[in-house]
N, C-alpha and C. Protein backbone atom coordinates (compact mmCIF):
# COMPACT_ATOMS: atom_id res chain seq x y z
N UNK A 1 103.45 -133.22 -179.93
CA UNK A 1 102.76 -134.50 -179.89
C UNK A 1 103.12 -135.32 -181.13
N UNK A 2 103.51 -136.54 -180.92
CA UNK A 2 103.86 -137.43 -182.01
C UNK A 2 102.60 -138.18 -182.44
N UNK A 3 102.33 -138.11 -183.73
CA UNK A 3 101.14 -138.77 -184.26
C UNK A 3 101.40 -140.27 -184.40
N UNK A 4 100.44 -141.06 -183.96
CA UNK A 4 100.54 -142.51 -184.09
C UNK A 4 100.18 -142.92 -185.51
N UNK A 5 100.45 -144.16 -185.85
CA UNK A 5 100.06 -144.67 -187.16
C UNK A 5 98.54 -144.62 -187.31
N UNK A 6 97.83 -144.91 -186.23
CA UNK A 6 96.37 -144.86 -186.26
C UNK A 6 95.89 -143.44 -186.55
N UNK A 7 96.50 -142.46 -185.87
CA UNK A 7 96.12 -141.06 -186.06
C UNK A 7 96.36 -140.62 -187.50
N UNK A 8 97.51 -140.99 -188.05
CA UNK A 8 97.81 -140.64 -189.45
C UNK A 8 96.81 -141.28 -190.40
N UNK A 9 96.45 -142.53 -190.15
CA UNK A 9 95.48 -143.22 -191.00
C UNK A 9 94.11 -142.55 -190.90
N UNK A 10 93.75 -142.10 -189.72
CA UNK A 10 92.45 -141.45 -189.54
C UNK A 10 92.40 -140.13 -190.30
N UNK A 11 93.48 -139.39 -190.31
CA UNK A 11 93.51 -138.14 -191.08
C UNK A 11 93.40 -138.42 -192.58
N UNK A 12 94.02 -139.50 -193.05
CA UNK A 12 93.87 -139.87 -194.47
C UNK A 12 92.43 -140.29 -194.74
N UNK A 13 91.83 -141.02 -193.79
CA UNK A 13 90.44 -141.44 -193.93
C UNK A 13 89.53 -140.22 -193.98
N UNK A 14 89.83 -139.18 -193.21
CA UNK A 14 89.00 -137.97 -193.22
C UNK A 14 88.92 -137.41 -194.64
N UNK A 15 90.04 -137.28 -195.30
CA UNK A 15 90.05 -136.74 -196.67
C UNK A 15 89.23 -137.62 -197.60
N UNK A 16 89.40 -138.94 -197.50
CA UNK A 16 88.66 -139.86 -198.36
C UNK A 16 87.16 -139.82 -198.07
N UNK A 17 86.80 -139.77 -196.80
CA UNK A 17 85.39 -139.73 -196.43
C UNK A 17 84.73 -138.46 -196.97
N UNK A 18 85.39 -137.33 -196.83
CA UNK A 18 84.84 -136.08 -197.33
C UNK A 18 84.73 -136.09 -198.85
N UNK A 19 85.71 -136.69 -199.54
CA UNK A 19 85.66 -136.78 -201.00
C UNK A 19 84.49 -137.65 -201.46
N UNK A 20 84.22 -138.74 -200.75
CA UNK A 20 83.22 -139.71 -201.21
C UNK A 20 81.83 -139.51 -200.61
N UNK A 21 81.74 -139.06 -199.38
CA UNK A 21 80.43 -138.94 -198.72
C UNK A 21 80.08 -137.51 -198.33
N UNK A 22 81.04 -136.61 -198.45
CA UNK A 22 80.81 -135.23 -198.04
C UNK A 22 79.99 -134.46 -199.05
N UNK A 23 79.41 -133.38 -198.60
CA UNK A 23 78.62 -132.51 -199.45
C UNK A 23 78.84 -131.08 -198.97
N UNK A 24 78.71 -130.14 -199.88
CA UNK A 24 78.91 -128.74 -199.52
C UNK A 24 77.74 -128.21 -198.71
N UNK A 25 78.05 -127.50 -197.64
CA UNK A 25 77.05 -126.84 -196.81
C UNK A 25 77.50 -125.40 -196.59
N UNK A 26 76.54 -124.54 -196.32
CA UNK A 26 76.83 -123.15 -195.97
C UNK A 26 76.28 -122.90 -194.58
N UNK A 27 77.09 -122.28 -193.73
CA UNK A 27 76.71 -122.02 -192.34
C UNK A 27 76.47 -120.53 -192.16
N UNK A 28 75.33 -120.20 -191.53
CA UNK A 28 74.98 -118.82 -191.23
C UNK A 28 74.87 -118.63 -189.73
N UNK A 29 75.30 -117.46 -189.27
CA UNK A 29 75.14 -117.10 -187.86
C UNK A 29 74.59 -115.67 -187.82
N UNK A 30 73.45 -115.52 -187.16
CA UNK A 30 72.85 -114.21 -187.05
C UNK A 30 72.48 -113.61 -188.40
N UNK A 31 72.11 -114.46 -189.36
CA UNK A 31 71.72 -113.99 -190.68
C UNK A 31 72.87 -113.69 -191.62
N UNK A 32 74.11 -113.83 -191.13
CA UNK A 32 75.28 -113.56 -191.97
C UNK A 32 76.01 -114.86 -192.26
N UNK A 33 76.50 -114.96 -193.49
CA UNK A 33 77.24 -116.16 -193.88
C UNK A 33 78.52 -116.27 -193.06
N UNK A 34 78.68 -117.41 -192.40
CA UNK A 34 79.86 -117.65 -191.57
C UNK A 34 80.94 -118.37 -192.39
N UNK A 35 80.54 -119.45 -193.09
CA UNK A 35 81.52 -120.20 -193.87
C UNK A 35 80.84 -121.19 -194.79
N UNK A 36 81.60 -121.65 -195.75
CA UNK A 36 81.24 -122.80 -196.58
C UNK A 36 82.16 -123.93 -196.14
N UNK A 37 81.60 -125.12 -196.00
CA UNK A 37 82.46 -126.25 -195.64
C UNK A 37 81.89 -127.53 -196.21
N UNK A 38 82.70 -128.55 -196.15
CA UNK A 38 82.31 -129.87 -196.60
C UNK A 38 81.91 -130.68 -195.37
N UNK A 39 80.73 -131.29 -195.40
CA UNK A 39 80.23 -132.03 -194.25
C UNK A 39 79.64 -133.36 -194.70
N UNK A 40 79.65 -134.31 -193.80
CA UNK A 40 79.03 -135.61 -194.04
C UNK A 40 77.71 -135.63 -193.28
N UNK A 41 76.58 -135.72 -194.00
CA UNK A 41 75.29 -135.80 -193.30
C UNK A 41 75.17 -137.14 -192.57
N UNK A 42 74.56 -137.10 -191.39
CA UNK A 42 74.42 -138.30 -190.56
C UNK A 42 73.19 -138.14 -189.67
N UNK A 43 72.89 -139.17 -188.90
CA UNK A 43 71.81 -139.10 -187.92
C UNK A 43 72.27 -139.75 -186.62
N UNK A 44 71.60 -139.35 -185.54
CA UNK A 44 71.82 -139.97 -184.23
C UNK A 44 70.46 -140.36 -183.68
N UNK A 45 70.37 -141.53 -183.08
CA UNK A 45 69.14 -141.94 -182.40
C UNK A 45 69.33 -141.66 -180.91
N UNK A 46 68.40 -140.89 -180.35
CA UNK A 46 68.49 -140.48 -178.96
C UNK A 46 67.31 -141.06 -178.20
N UNK A 47 67.58 -141.76 -177.11
CA UNK A 47 66.53 -142.30 -176.24
C UNK A 47 66.30 -141.33 -175.09
N UNK A 48 65.03 -141.00 -174.83
CA UNK A 48 64.68 -140.10 -173.74
C UNK A 48 63.57 -140.73 -172.90
N UNK A 49 63.60 -140.43 -171.60
CA UNK A 49 62.55 -140.88 -170.69
C UNK A 49 61.73 -139.67 -170.25
N UNK A 50 60.41 -139.79 -170.34
CA UNK A 50 59.56 -138.71 -169.87
C UNK A 50 59.48 -138.78 -168.34
N UNK A 51 58.87 -137.76 -167.74
CA UNK A 51 58.73 -137.76 -166.29
C UNK A 51 57.83 -138.89 -165.80
N UNK A 52 57.07 -139.50 -166.73
CA UNK A 52 56.20 -140.63 -166.37
C UNK A 52 56.86 -141.98 -166.68
N UNK A 53 58.12 -141.93 -167.11
CA UNK A 53 58.85 -143.16 -167.38
C UNK A 53 58.62 -143.75 -168.75
N UNK A 54 58.04 -142.97 -169.66
CA UNK A 54 57.80 -143.44 -171.02
C UNK A 54 59.05 -143.15 -171.86
N UNK A 55 59.55 -144.21 -172.49
CA UNK A 55 60.75 -144.07 -173.31
C UNK A 55 60.34 -143.71 -174.73
N UNK A 56 61.00 -142.69 -175.29
CA UNK A 56 60.80 -142.33 -176.69
C UNK A 56 62.16 -142.27 -177.37
N UNK A 57 62.16 -142.60 -178.64
CA UNK A 57 63.38 -142.53 -179.43
C UNK A 57 63.19 -141.46 -180.50
N UNK A 58 64.13 -140.54 -180.55
CA UNK A 58 64.08 -139.45 -181.50
C UNK A 58 65.29 -139.55 -182.43
N UNK A 59 65.08 -139.27 -183.70
CA UNK A 59 66.18 -139.22 -184.65
C UNK A 59 66.57 -137.76 -184.86
N UNK A 60 67.83 -137.47 -184.63
CA UNK A 60 68.37 -136.12 -184.77
C UNK A 60 69.27 -136.09 -186.00
N UNK A 61 69.13 -135.05 -186.81
CA UNK A 61 69.97 -134.91 -187.99
C UNK A 61 71.29 -134.29 -187.57
N UNK A 62 72.39 -134.82 -188.06
CA UNK A 62 73.73 -134.33 -187.72
C UNK A 62 74.52 -134.00 -188.98
N UNK A 63 75.50 -133.15 -188.81
CA UNK A 63 76.50 -132.91 -189.84
C UNK A 63 77.86 -133.16 -189.19
N UNK A 64 78.66 -134.02 -189.82
CA UNK A 64 80.02 -134.29 -189.34
C UNK A 64 80.98 -133.45 -190.17
N UNK A 65 81.72 -132.59 -189.49
CA UNK A 65 82.67 -131.70 -190.16
C UNK A 65 84.05 -131.90 -189.55
N UNK A 66 85.10 -131.61 -190.31
CA UNK A 66 86.44 -131.74 -189.74
C UNK A 66 86.60 -130.84 -188.53
N UNK A 67 87.25 -131.34 -187.51
CA UNK A 67 87.50 -130.54 -186.31
C UNK A 67 88.39 -129.35 -186.62
N UNK A 68 89.14 -129.44 -187.71
CA UNK A 68 90.01 -128.34 -188.12
C UNK A 68 89.24 -127.24 -188.84
N UNK A 69 87.94 -127.42 -189.02
CA UNK A 69 87.10 -126.43 -189.69
C UNK A 69 87.07 -125.13 -188.89
N UNK A 70 86.76 -124.03 -189.58
CA UNK A 70 86.67 -122.73 -188.89
C UNK A 70 85.38 -122.60 -188.08
N UNK A 71 84.45 -123.53 -188.26
CA UNK A 71 83.14 -123.45 -187.62
C UNK A 71 83.15 -124.11 -186.25
N UNK A 72 82.87 -123.32 -185.22
CA UNK A 72 82.61 -123.86 -183.88
C UNK A 72 81.13 -123.59 -183.63
N UNK A 73 80.28 -124.62 -183.67
CA UNK A 73 78.83 -124.44 -183.62
C UNK A 73 78.34 -123.72 -182.37
N UNK A 74 77.34 -122.86 -182.58
CA UNK A 74 76.69 -122.15 -181.49
C UNK A 74 75.18 -122.22 -181.69
N UNK A 75 74.44 -121.94 -180.62
CA UNK A 75 72.98 -121.93 -180.66
C UNK A 75 72.51 -120.96 -181.75
N UNK A 76 71.58 -121.42 -182.57
CA UNK A 76 71.00 -120.56 -183.60
C UNK A 76 71.72 -120.59 -184.94
N UNK A 77 72.89 -121.23 -185.00
CA UNK A 77 73.54 -121.35 -186.30
C UNK A 77 72.63 -122.11 -187.25
N UNK A 78 72.65 -121.73 -188.52
CA UNK A 78 71.85 -122.41 -189.53
C UNK A 78 72.75 -123.02 -190.58
N UNK A 79 72.42 -124.23 -190.97
CA UNK A 79 73.16 -124.94 -192.00
C UNK A 79 72.23 -125.09 -193.20
N UNK A 80 72.68 -124.62 -194.35
CA UNK A 80 71.91 -124.81 -195.58
C UNK A 80 72.55 -125.95 -196.35
N UNK A 81 71.72 -126.94 -196.67
CA UNK A 81 72.20 -128.12 -197.38
C UNK A 81 71.11 -128.58 -198.34
N UNK A 82 71.45 -128.65 -199.61
CA UNK A 82 70.54 -129.11 -200.66
C UNK A 82 69.18 -128.41 -200.60
N UNK A 83 69.21 -127.11 -200.40
CA UNK A 83 68.00 -126.31 -200.42
C UNK A 83 67.18 -126.34 -199.14
N UNK A 84 67.63 -127.06 -198.14
CA UNK A 84 66.91 -127.13 -196.86
C UNK A 84 67.74 -126.43 -195.78
N UNK A 85 67.05 -125.96 -194.74
CA UNK A 85 67.69 -125.25 -193.64
C UNK A 85 67.62 -126.11 -192.37
N UNK A 86 68.75 -126.21 -191.69
CA UNK A 86 68.85 -126.96 -190.45
C UNK A 86 69.40 -126.03 -189.38
N UNK A 87 68.78 -126.03 -188.21
CA UNK A 87 69.22 -125.18 -187.12
C UNK A 87 69.94 -126.03 -186.07
N UNK A 88 71.05 -125.51 -185.57
CA UNK A 88 71.81 -126.22 -184.54
C UNK A 88 70.94 -126.30 -183.30
N UNK A 89 70.77 -127.53 -182.82
CA UNK A 89 69.89 -127.79 -181.68
C UNK A 89 70.57 -128.77 -180.74
N UNK A 90 70.56 -128.48 -179.45
CA UNK A 90 71.26 -129.37 -178.53
C UNK A 90 70.51 -130.69 -178.30
N UNK A 91 71.27 -131.69 -177.97
CA UNK A 91 70.73 -132.95 -177.45
C UNK A 91 71.16 -132.96 -176.00
N UNK A 92 70.20 -132.72 -175.12
CA UNK A 92 70.56 -132.48 -173.71
C UNK A 92 71.29 -131.15 -173.65
N UNK A 93 72.51 -131.17 -173.15
CA UNK A 93 73.32 -129.96 -173.09
C UNK A 93 74.39 -129.95 -174.19
N UNK A 94 74.34 -130.92 -175.09
CA UNK A 94 75.40 -131.10 -176.08
C UNK A 94 75.00 -130.54 -177.44
N UNK A 95 75.70 -129.49 -177.90
CA UNK A 95 75.46 -128.93 -179.23
C UNK A 95 76.20 -129.74 -180.28
N UNK A 96 77.37 -130.18 -179.92
CA UNK A 96 78.22 -130.97 -180.80
C UNK A 96 79.14 -131.81 -179.92
N UNK A 97 79.73 -132.80 -180.55
CA UNK A 97 80.70 -133.63 -179.83
C UNK A 97 81.72 -134.14 -180.82
N UNK A 98 82.86 -134.56 -180.30
CA UNK A 98 83.82 -135.21 -181.18
C UNK A 98 83.24 -136.54 -181.60
N UNK A 99 83.44 -136.87 -182.86
CA UNK A 99 82.83 -138.09 -183.40
C UNK A 99 83.78 -139.28 -183.35
N UNK A 100 85.01 -139.06 -182.93
CA UNK A 100 85.98 -140.15 -182.88
C UNK A 100 87.00 -139.89 -181.78
N UNK A 101 87.70 -140.92 -181.39
CA UNK A 101 88.65 -140.83 -180.28
C UNK A 101 89.83 -139.91 -180.58
N UNK A 102 90.17 -139.77 -181.84
CA UNK A 102 91.31 -138.94 -182.22
C UNK A 102 90.93 -137.48 -182.45
N UNK A 103 89.64 -137.15 -182.29
CA UNK A 103 89.12 -135.78 -182.44
C UNK A 103 89.39 -135.20 -183.82
N UNK A 104 89.11 -136.02 -184.84
CA UNK A 104 89.29 -135.60 -186.23
C UNK A 104 88.01 -134.94 -186.75
N UNK A 105 86.86 -135.47 -186.37
CA UNK A 105 85.56 -134.93 -186.79
C UNK A 105 84.76 -134.45 -185.59
N UNK A 106 83.92 -133.43 -185.81
CA UNK A 106 82.92 -133.08 -184.82
C UNK A 106 81.55 -133.38 -185.42
N UNK A 107 80.63 -133.80 -184.58
CA UNK A 107 79.25 -134.13 -184.99
C UNK A 107 78.35 -133.04 -184.42
N UNK A 108 77.72 -132.27 -185.31
CA UNK A 108 76.88 -131.14 -184.93
C UNK A 108 75.42 -131.57 -185.01
N UNK A 109 74.67 -131.43 -183.92
CA UNK A 109 73.27 -131.83 -183.87
C UNK A 109 72.38 -130.71 -184.41
N UNK A 110 71.46 -131.07 -185.29
CA UNK A 110 70.59 -130.09 -185.95
C UNK A 110 69.15 -130.60 -186.02
N UNK A 111 68.27 -129.68 -186.35
CA UNK A 111 66.87 -130.01 -186.61
C UNK A 111 66.46 -129.27 -187.88
N UNK A 112 65.79 -129.98 -188.77
CA UNK A 112 65.35 -129.34 -190.01
C UNK A 112 64.27 -128.31 -189.72
N UNK A 113 64.38 -127.17 -190.36
CA UNK A 113 63.38 -126.11 -190.23
C UNK A 113 62.39 -126.23 -191.38
N UNK A 114 61.14 -126.14 -191.06
CA UNK A 114 60.10 -126.15 -192.10
C UNK A 114 59.45 -124.79 -192.13
N UNK A 115 59.53 -124.12 -193.26
CA UNK A 115 58.93 -122.80 -193.42
C UNK A 115 57.65 -122.96 -194.24
N UNK A 116 56.56 -123.08 -193.56
CA UNK A 116 55.28 -123.27 -194.25
C UNK A 116 54.36 -122.11 -194.02
């Protein structure tokens, strides 16, 4: 596959975005450390309709990681970031999705865990 100028620029942007907006996270699966990676924290607003037709908007916490990362998110994975724990949680049937047309980043949907 021949990379387009746009694709090459997006890969350069990935490095710059991670340098400027990325933060270190640690991913655990089944209580064992899976990997350390650099991720960009983000949010998604999700609109849902109840069975009675009531619309609600929920904000879901996301982590955007390079698609080339060793992490392929699964149910129950935990992300530790700045002392807080986030569990991978689907939005509908989607655990993660590509965040761009060139498939440079994946956006992983999470929910913060509160241990009280």
